[in-house]
Amino acid sequence: MSGKMLEEGREVCIDYAKRGGFVPAIVQDAKDGRVLMLAYVNQLAFETTLQKGMATFWSTSRNELWTKGETSGDFLKIVEILTDCDQDALIYKVEPQGGGACHTRDPETGKTRETCFYRKVDSAGKELTFV
């Protein structure tokens, strides 16, 4: 597909080939826009997301399909899917259905963290602080 058609057309043509079969998917809370996590999607994960209505990804570490929440109960219900201009990145706008989006837990409360982005890098790039 030509660049102009890709950028201005209405056909979904996710470019999985550019990054070896995967595209990054930024997951945002549909309510407040907060970034919850980043994961990777291949064609099977994208199709499964559309079929289930729940955010589904390809685990590059386990080399398998996973729908967020199937083991934790912390599902991410799809509200809207956006793609960028050259269709090689996605944004999943979601409604969290459980305690959080991260697989880690706050050691003080024991609760699932709402977002995977719970630490801030200091200005020297050497230390992390919790936010």
Protein backbone atom coordinates (compact mmCIF):
# COMPACT_ATOMS: atom_id res chain seq x y z
CA MET A 1 0.00 0.00 0.00
CA SER A 2 1.34 3.44 -0.86
CA GLY A 3 2.32 5.84 1.91
CA LYS A 4 -0.52 8.22 1.07
CA MET A 5 -3.11 5.41 1.12
CA LEU A 6 -1.67 4.04 4.36
CA GLU A 7 -1.73 7.44 6.05
CA GLU A 8 -5.05 8.71 4.71
CA GLY A 9 -6.94 5.53 3.80
CA ARG A 10 -9.60 3.72 5.77
CA GLU A 11 -8.24 0.18 5.41
CA VAL A 12 -6.68 -1.47 8.46
CA CYS A 13 -3.19 -2.58 7.39
CA ILE A 14 -1.23 -3.06 10.60
CA ASP A 15 2.46 -3.39 9.65
CA TYR A 16 3.53 -6.39 11.72
CA ALA A 17 6.48 -7.14 9.40
CA LYS A 18 8.41 -3.95 10.20
CA ARG A 19 9.36 -5.21 13.69
CA GLY A 20 9.56 -8.95 13.10
CA GLY A 21 5.85 -9.74 13.36
CA PHE A 22 4.97 -7.44 16.27
CA VAL A 23 3.76 -3.92 16.92
CA PRO A 24 3.89 -2.12 20.27
CA ALA A 25 0.57 -1.48 21.97
CA ILE A 26 0.35 1.33 24.50
CA VAL A 27 -2.47 0.64 26.95
CA GLN A 28 -4.26 3.71 28.33
CA ASP A 29 -7.06 4.08 30.83
CA ALA A 30 -9.99 5.34 28.74
CA LYS A 31 -11.26 7.38 31.70
CA ASP A 32 -8.19 9.51 32.45
CA GLY A 33 -5.64 8.78 29.70
CA ARG A 34 -3.08 7.39 32.13
CA VAL A 35 -0.62 4.96 30.50
CA LEU A 36 -1.10 1.58 32.17
CA MET A 37 1.34 -0.63 30.30
CA LEU A 38 3.15 -1.37 27.06
CA ALA A 39 3.02 -4.76 25.38
CA TYR A 40 3.40 -6.33 21.95
CA VAL A 41 0.76 -7.50 19.53
CA ASN A 42 1.02 -9.81 16.55
CA GLN A 43 -1.79 -10.50 14.10
CA LEU A 44 -3.24 -13.33 16.23
CA ALA A 45 -3.24 -11.14 19.36
CA PHE A 46 -4.94 -8.30 17.47
CA GLU A 47 -7.62 -10.59 16.06
CA THR A 48 -8.18 -12.17 19.48
CA THR A 49 -8.51 -8.70 21.04
CA LEU A 50 -11.22 -7.85 18.52
CA GLN A 51 -13.04 -11.16 19.08
CA LYS A 52 -12.94 -11.11 22.90
CA GLY A 53 -13.18 -7.36 23.45
CA MET A 54 -10.36 -7.73 25.98
CA ALA A 55 -6.74 -6.63 25.53
CA THR A 56 -4.73 -9.58 24.26
CA PHE A 57 -1.00 -9.58 23.59
CA TRP A 58 1.86 -11.78 22.47
CA SER A 59 4.26 -12.55 25.30
CA THR A 60 7.73 -12.21 23.79
CA SER A 61 9.29 -13.79 26.90
CA ARG A 62 6.96 -16.83 27.03
CA ASN A 63 6.37 -16.92 23.27
CA GLU A 64 2.63 -17.30 23.68
CA LEU A 65 -0.68 -15.49 23.35
CA TRP A 66 -2.10 -13.99 26.54
CA THR A 67 -5.25 -12.13 27.35
CA LYS A 68 -4.54 -9.80 30.25
CA GLY A 69 -6.57 -10.94 33.25
CA GLU A 70 -7.04 -14.62 32.43
CA THR A 71 -4.89 -15.64 35.39
CA SER A 72 -5.06 -12.51 37.58
CA GLY A 73 -8.66 -11.43 37.00
CA ASP A 74 -7.40 -7.97 36.04
CA PHE A 75 -8.94 -7.82 32.57
CA LEU A 76 -8.61 -4.76 30.33
CA LYS A 77 -11.86 -4.19 28.41
CA ILE A 78 -11.29 -2.54 25.04
CA VAL A 79 -13.09 0.78 24.56
CA GLU A 80 -11.23 2.00 21.49
CA ILE A 81 -8.20 1.05 19.39
CA LEU A 82 -6.10 3.71 17.68
CA THR A 83 -3.26 3.24 15.22
CA ASP A 84 -0.56 5.69 14.27
CA CYS A 85 -0.05 7.21 10.80
CA ASP A 86 1.98 4.33 9.35
CA GLN A 87 0.05 1.62 11.21
CA ASP A 88 3.02 0.18 13.10
CA ALA A 89 1.92 1.06 16.64
CA LEU A 90 -1.37 0.83 18.52
CA ILE A 91 -3.07 2.46 21.47
CA TYR A 92 -5.58 0.34 23.35
CA LYS A 93 -7.93 2.57 25.35
CA VAL A 94 -9.37 0.34 28.04
CA GLU A 95 -11.57 0.09 31.10
CA PRO A 96 -9.68 -1.86 33.76
CA GLN A 97 -11.88 -4.64 35.12
CA GLY A 98 -9.87 -5.55 38.22
CA GLY A 99 -7.35 -4.19 40.65
CA GLY A 100 -4.78 -2.98 38.15
CA ALA A 101 -2.85 -3.51 34.95
CA CYS A 102 0.57 -4.48 36.27
CA HIS A 103 1.64 -7.98 37.26
CA THR A 104 3.48 -6.56 40.30
CA ARG A 105 1.96 -5.77 43.68
CA ASP A 106 2.59 -2.94 46.08
CA PRO A 107 4.50 -4.58 48.96
CA GLU A 108 2.82 -2.34 51.55
CA THR A 109 -0.78 -2.97 50.51
CA GLY A 110 -0.44 -6.26 48.62
CA LYS A 111 -2.67 -4.82 45.89
CA THR A 112 -2.00 -5.11 42.17
CA ARG A 113 -0.45 -1.90 40.87
CA GLU A 114 -2.80 0.11 38.66
CA THR A 115 -0.03 0.88 36.17
CA CYS A 116 3.32 -0.65 35.25
CA PHE A 117 4.79 2.87 35.27
CA TYR A 118 5.05 3.34 39.02
CA ARG A 119 8.66 4.58 39.25
CA LYS A 120 10.33 7.79 38.09
CA VAL A 121 13.95 8.11 36.89
CA ASP A 122 15.89 10.89 38.61
CA SER A 123 17.49 13.69 36.59
CA ALA A 124 20.92 12.00 36.70
CA GLY A 125 19.45 8.77 35.35
CA LYS A 126 20.75 6.76 38.28
CA GLU A 127 17.96 6.34 40.79
CA LEU A 128 14.31 5.39 40.78
CA THR A 129 11.67 6.82 43.09
CA PHE A 130 8.15 5.53 43.50
CA VAL A 131 5.37 7.78 42.25
